[in-house]
Protein backbone atom coordinates (compact mmCIF):
# COMPACT_ATOMS: atom_id res chain seq x y z
CA MET A 1 -4.76 -26.21 11.01
CA LYS A 2 -3.93 -22.62 13.04
CA TYR A 3 -5.70 -20.58 9.85
CA THR A 4 -8.61 -22.51 10.23
CA LEU A 5 -9.20 -22.14 13.31
CA ILE A 6 -8.84 -18.62 13.52
CA ALA A 7 -11.20 -18.14 10.48
CA ILE A 8 -13.47 -20.18 12.54
CA GLY A 9 -13.25 -18.03 15.33
CA MET A 10 -12.65 -15.00 14.16
CA THR A 11 -16.29 -13.63 13.81
CA VAL A 12 -17.25 -14.92 17.27
CA SER A 13 -14.10 -13.23 18.59
CA MET A 14 -15.07 -9.95 16.89
CA LEU A 15 -18.57 -9.90 17.72
CA SER A 16 -17.31 -10.14 21.10
CA CYS A 17 -15.46 -7.45 21.31
CA LYS A 18 -16.09 -3.96 22.34
CA SER A 19 -14.60 -0.80 19.87
CA GLN A 20 -12.16 0.86 21.76
CA ASN A 21 -9.30 2.68 20.89
CA LYS A 22 -7.01 1.85 24.40
CA GLU A 23 -4.76 -1.39 24.78
CA GLU A 24 -4.49 -2.48 28.54
CA VAL A 25 -0.27 -3.28 28.55
CA PRO A 26 1.34 -4.62 31.69
CA ILE A 27 4.46 -3.16 32.59
CA LYS A 28 7.13 -4.34 35.50
CA ASN A 29 5.82 -3.45 38.33
CA GLN A 30 3.02 -5.63 37.37
CA LYS A 31 0.74 -2.46 37.23
CA GLU A 32 -1.56 -2.24 34.35
CA VAL A 33 -1.63 1.07 32.48
CA LYS A 34 -3.52 2.21 29.46
CA MET A 35 -1.39 3.19 26.55
CA GLU A 36 -2.96 4.40 23.41
CA VAL A 37 -2.62 2.32 20.19
CA SER A 38 -1.95 4.27 17.11
CA ASN A 39 -4.16 3.78 13.84
CA LYS A 40 -0.69 2.70 12.12
CA GLU A 41 0.38 0.12 14.79
CA LYS A 42 -3.09 -1.51 14.53
CA ALA A 43 -2.77 -1.47 11.03
CA VAL A 44 0.92 -3.16 11.18
CA ALA A 45 -0.80 -5.50 13.86
CA VAL A 46 -3.35 -7.02 11.26
CA LEU A 47 -0.60 -7.11 8.62
CA ARG A 48 1.44 -9.44 10.81
CA SER A 49 -1.58 -10.90 12.23
CA LEU A 50 -1.20 -13.09 8.69
CA GLU A 51 1.62 -14.44 9.58
CA THR A 52 1.74 -14.59 13.54
CA GLY A 53 -2.48 -16.39 13.90
CA ASN A 54 -2.52 -13.27 16.62
CA GLN A 55 -6.69 -13.39 16.82
CA SER A 56 -6.13 -10.02 19.21
CA ALA A 57 -5.02 -8.12 15.87
CA ILE A 58 -8.27 -8.90 14.63
CA GLY A 59 -10.04 -7.31 17.11
CA TYR A 60 -9.32 -3.79 15.27
CA ILE A 61 -11.64 -4.38 12.40
CA ASN A 62 -14.93 -3.78 12.53
CA PRO A 63 -17.19 -6.64 12.82
CA GLU A 64 -20.22 -5.24 11.42
CA LYS A 65 -19.26 -3.10 8.86
CA TYR A 66 -15.52 -3.88 6.53
CA ILE A 67 -15.92 -3.07 3.00
CA GLN A 68 -13.22 -4.88 1.09
CA HIS A 69 -11.79 -3.51 -2.21
CA ASN A 70 -9.23 -6.42 -3.10
CA LEU A 71 -11.22 -7.80 -6.07
CA GLY A 72 -10.00 -11.25 -5.07
CA VAL A 73 -11.41 -11.54 -2.00
CA ALA A 74 -15.24 -11.13 -0.42
CA ASP A 75 -16.50 -8.98 1.33
CA GLY A 76 -16.65 -8.53 5.23
CA LEU A 77 -14.85 -10.35 8.05
CA GLU A 78 -16.33 -13.94 5.61
CA GLY A 79 -14.43 -12.96 3.15
CA PHE A 80 -11.25 -12.02 5.11
CA GLY A 81 -11.90 -15.85 7.22
CA ALA A 82 -11.58 -17.47 3.93
CA VAL A 83 -8.26 -16.15 2.91
CA LEU A 84 -7.48 -17.05 5.94
CA GLN A 85 -8.57 -20.76 5.71
CA ASN A 86 -6.47 -21.08 2.23
CA ALA A 87 -3.35 -20.37 3.74
CA PRO A 88 -0.63 -22.69 2.40
CA GLU A 89 1.38 -24.97 4.87
CA GLY A 90 3.61 -22.90 7.30
CA GLY A 91 0.82 -19.72 6.45
CA PHE A 92 1.77 -16.74 5.29
CA LYS A 93 4.32 -13.87 5.66
CA ALA A 94 3.81 -10.64 5.80
CA ASN A 95 7.61 -7.93 6.56
CA VAL A 96 5.49 -4.43 6.85
CA VAL A 97 8.78 -2.47 5.40
CA ARG A 98 7.08 0.78 5.88
CA ALA A 99 3.57 2.65 7.47
CA PHE A 100 2.37 5.79 7.00
CA GLU A 101 -0.33 7.86 8.78
CA ASP A 102 -2.99 10.24 6.77
CA ASN A 103 -5.91 11.33 9.05
CA ASP A 104 -8.22 8.55 8.89
CA TYR A 105 -5.93 6.43 6.65
CA VAL A 106 -2.92 4.24 7.21
CA PHE A 107 -0.81 3.22 4.11
CA THR A 108 1.58 0.31 4.07
CA HIS A 109 4.47 -0.88 2.07
CA THR A 110 4.99 -4.83 2.83
CA ILE A 111 7.11 -7.74 1.42
CA TYR A 112 4.98 -10.71 1.64
CA ASP A 113 4.56 -14.13 1.03
CA PHE A 114 0.55 -14.34 -0.26
CA PHE A 115 0.14 -17.29 -2.80
CA GLY A 116 4.11 -16.61 -3.38
CA PRO A 117 6.52 -14.03 -2.85
CA LYS A 118 4.66 -10.22 -3.37
CA ILE A 119 4.86 -6.41 -2.99
CA GLY A 120 2.05 -4.67 -1.77
CA PHE A 121 0.76 -1.50 -0.69
CA ASP A 122 -2.17 -1.69 1.87
CA VAL A 123 -4.89 1.16 2.39
CA PHE A 124 -7.32 0.82 5.56
CA LYS A 125 -9.34 3.38 6.56
CA PHE A 126 -10.83 3.48 10.19
CA GLU A 127 -13.76 5.04 11.43
CA ALA A 128 -13.60 5.24 15.60
CA GLY A 129 -10.67 3.33 15.78
CA LYS A 130 -11.53 0.44 14.24
CA ILE A 131 -10.63 -0.42 10.46
CA VAL A 132 -13.83 -0.17 8.25
CA GLU A 133 -12.53 -0.67 4.84
CA HIS A 134 -9.45 -1.63 3.26
CA TRP A 135 -8.14 -0.92 -0.52
CA ASP A 136 -4.23 -2.78 -2.10
CA ASN A 137 -2.08 -3.35 -4.87
CA LEU A 138 0.06 -6.73 -4.95
CA ILE A 139 2.73 -7.61 -7.57
CA ALA A 140 5.35 -10.47 -7.87
CA VAL A 141 8.14 -10.05 -6.36
CA ALA A 142 11.18 -9.16 -9.41
CA PRO A 143 15.31 -8.96 -9.84
CA THR A 144 16.78 -6.04 -8.62
CA ASN A 145 16.37 -3.20 -11.45
CA PRO A 146 19.67 -1.93 -13.35
CA SER A 147 20.91 0.24 -10.36
CA GLY A 148 21.04 -2.50 -8.43
CA ARG A 149 17.85 -1.52 -6.38
CA THR A 150 15.19 -3.80 -4.89
CA GLN A 151 11.92 -3.25 -4.55
CA THR A 152 10.88 -2.21 -1.08
CA ASP A 153 14.97 -1.11 -0.07
CA GLY A 154 15.32 2.59 0.56
CA PRO A 155 14.70 4.93 3.29
CA THR A 156 12.22 4.81 6.16
CA GLU A 157 11.94 7.09 8.12
CA VAL A 158 9.17 9.49 8.19
CA THR A 159 10.40 13.17 8.67
CA ASP A 160 9.54 17.05 7.51
CA LEU A 161 5.52 16.30 9.06
CA ASP A 162 5.34 20.34 8.95
CA LYS A 163 5.54 19.73 4.89
CA THR A 164 3.00 17.20 4.36
CA ALA A 165 0.43 19.12 2.84
CA ALA A 166 2.93 21.13 0.40
CA ASN A 167 4.62 17.26 -0.60
CA LYS A 168 1.39 15.88 -1.33
CA GLN A 169 0.58 19.13 -3.21
CA LEU A 170 3.39 18.64 -4.90
CA VAL A 171 3.14 14.94 -5.89
CA SER A 172 -0.11 15.34 -6.97
CA ASP A 173 0.95 18.34 -9.35
CA PHE A 174 3.65 15.61 -10.91
CA VAL A 175 0.77 13.18 -11.37
CA ALA A 176 -1.33 15.11 -13.26
CA THR A 177 1.06 16.72 -15.37
CA ILE A 178 3.60 14.15 -15.98
CA LEU A 179 2.22 11.23 -15.64
CA VAL A 180 -1.59 12.12 -16.88
CA ARG A 181 -1.06 14.72 -19.66
CA GLY A 182 2.45 13.90 -20.39
CA GLU A 183 3.72 17.42 -20.26
CA MET A 184 7.52 15.73 -20.31
CA ASP A 185 9.27 19.09 -20.58
CA LYS A 186 7.99 20.44 -17.45
CA VAL A 187 9.37 17.37 -15.37
CA GLY A 188 12.83 19.85 -14.07
CA ASN A 189 10.16 21.36 -12.07
CA PHE A 190 9.37 18.16 -9.79
CA ILE A 191 12.30 16.17 -10.01
CA GLY A 192 16.29 16.49 -10.57
CA GLY A 193 18.32 16.52 -13.56
CA ALA A 194 20.86 14.26 -12.34
CA ASP A 195 20.59 10.71 -11.62
CA GLU A 196 21.32 10.42 -8.19
CA ALA A 197 18.82 13.05 -7.71
CA TYR A 198 16.11 10.94 -8.61
CA LEU A 199 16.28 6.97 -7.21
CA GLN A 200 14.09 4.48 -9.04
CA HIS A 201 12.56 1.39 -7.27
CA ASN A 202 10.49 0.04 -10.42
CA PRO A 203 12.52 -3.67 -10.77
CA ALA A 204 12.33 -2.19 -14.77
CA VAL A 205 13.90 1.20 -14.29
CA ALA A 206 16.87 2.57 -13.68
CA ASP A 207 18.02 5.68 -11.42
CA GLY A 208 17.39 9.51 -12.77
CA LEU A 209 15.19 10.99 -15.71
CA SER A 210 17.81 9.40 -17.79
CA GLY A 211 16.76 5.63 -16.68
CA LEU A 212 12.78 6.97 -17.36
CA GLY A 213 13.85 7.82 -20.84
CA LYS A 214 15.41 4.75 -21.53
CA ALA A 215 12.40 2.26 -20.10
CA LEU A 216 9.52 4.17 -22.10
CA GLU A 217 12.01 4.07 -25.34
CA GLY A 218 12.14 0.39 -24.26
CA MET A 219 8.37 0.40 -23.97
CA ALA A 220 8.04 2.45 -27.07
CA LYS A 221 9.95 0.08 -29.09
CA GLN A 222 8.07 -3.09 -27.89
CA GLY A 223 4.62 -1.38 -28.83
CA ILE A 224 3.55 -1.35 -25.12
CA SER A 225 2.16 1.69 -23.42
CA MET A 226 1.62 3.65 -20.17
CA VAL A 227 -1.09 5.63 -19.55
CA TYR A 228 -2.12 7.53 -16.61
CA THR A 229 -6.10 8.41 -16.76
CA SER A 230 -6.22 9.60 -13.35
CA THR A 231 -5.72 10.03 -9.67
CA HIS A 232 -7.75 9.07 -7.16
CA LYS A 233 -6.16 9.22 -3.83
CA VAL A 234 -3.42 11.35 -2.40
CA LEU A 235 -2.02 9.89 0.72
CA GLY A 236 1.02 11.43 2.45
CA GLU A 237 2.91 11.46 6.04
CA GLY A 238 5.97 13.93 6.02
CA ASN A 239 8.32 12.98 3.35
CA PHE A 240 6.21 10.46 1.45
CA VAL A 241 3.50 10.61 -0.64
CA LEU A 242 1.20 7.86 -2.46
CA THR A 243 -0.39 8.14 -5.21
CA ILE A 244 -3.56 5.98 -6.41
CA SER A 245 -4.11 5.99 -10.14
CA GLU A 246 -6.06 4.25 -12.87
CA GLY A 247 -4.97 3.96 -16.48
CA THR A 248 -3.94 0.96 -18.73
CA PHE A 249 -0.62 -0.87 -19.72
CA GLY A 250 -0.49 -2.23 -22.69
CA GLY A 251 -4.30 -1.58 -22.99
CA ALA A 252 -4.96 -3.10 -20.38
CA PRO A 253 -6.96 -1.64 -17.44
CA THR A 254 -4.23 -0.66 -14.33
CA SER A 255 -4.16 -0.05 -10.95
CA TYR A 256 -0.86 2.07 -10.03
CA TYR A 257 0.38 3.03 -6.52
CA ASP A 258 3.03 5.15 -6.45
CA LEU A 259 5.04 5.90 -3.46
CA PHE A 260 7.70 8.83 -3.56
CA ARG A 261 9.64 10.21 -1.42
CA VAL A 262 10.33 14.18 -1.07
CA ALA A 263 13.33 16.17 -0.45
CA ASP A 264 13.51 19.93 -0.36
CA GLY A 265 10.84 20.62 -2.37
CA LYS A 266 11.61 17.92 -5.21
CA ILE A 267 11.40 14.04 -5.74
CA VAL A 268 14.24 12.38 -4.84
CA GLU A 269 12.80 8.37 -4.75
CA HIS A 270 10.24 6.49 -6.51
CA TRP A 271 8.97 2.92 -5.24
CA ASP A 272 5.64 1.65 -6.94
CA VAL A 273 3.41 -1.91 -7.34
CA ILE A 274 1.28 -1.69 -10.85
CA GLU A 275 -1.78 -4.72 -10.91
CA PRO A 276 -4.14 -5.10 -13.38
CA ILE A 277 -7.62 -4.59 -12.32
CA ALA A 278 -9.55 -8.03 -12.20
CA PRO A 279 -12.41 -8.05 -14.81
CA GLU A 280 -16.03 -8.18 -13.82
CA SER A 281 -16.48 -11.93 -14.43
CA GLU A 282 -13.43 -12.66 -12.00
CA ARG A 283 -14.60 -9.97 -8.88
CA LYS A 284 -15.68 -11.36 -5.37
CA ASN A 285 -17.12 -8.25 -4.90
CA THR A 286 -18.82 -5.25 -6.19
CA ASN A 287 -16.91 -2.48 -3.92
CA GLY A 288 -15.18 -1.28 -6.82
CA LYS A 289 -11.15 -0.31 -7.01
CA PHE A 290 -11.13 3.05 -6.66
CA ASN A 291 -14.25 4.21 -4.76
CA PHE A 292 -12.46 6.47 -1.76
């Protein structure tokens, strides 16, 4: 019932919201001061509102312009409201593990209970302090991988902000060289050779280059191919970089979201969400999965 009421009242509350980048926050002496709310904090608040039902967080979405790229959700606030109306008993759950900001974009790494336990990457675009566009990739929660790692554990702290541009270039070159063109002889330019130098969170892959090699060999034996054809977006903050790529997995059209942690000029850790791309007949909007 909580989510149905939110969905019904959401558009009204949104239209009454004036566009602003600051929130008034009470402090102990009862005086009010204006404190800047970052885009990162706004995006996290919107995700958490799926669980808390906090309508004020919905005010961070532009009611006149909200372009949806999740192909299973209708465009605009109406699509968002329809999702809330279909919440299961007890509502959704959203635990934001990581959040990053890159100019007008915020990208997050979240543990969901969203029509079943899932892991997701979300990307939000902001204009004038309001969310105007959303992309995501979701996958079911899986058991720990051969190295005992989960899909979300590991470091969360952002460091090396002065190296953001260099780290984005390193990761972009890695994806283009290794994942798209398959020039595996150059992998040492991007990843250290020791297994402990490359920590892996893909549910099916163990740490290190040896773990990656074994996984690729196993897929080849089963006749499963993993192909990256192009990268549509590279976002980063400090030591974390997210790439959004398109390709096929087992011959089916696939969206790849890969999060990398970089240290001392090398990729040292990797998380990903691999999602099949819904056929046109099943899509609820026509905005495209990769239109940035």
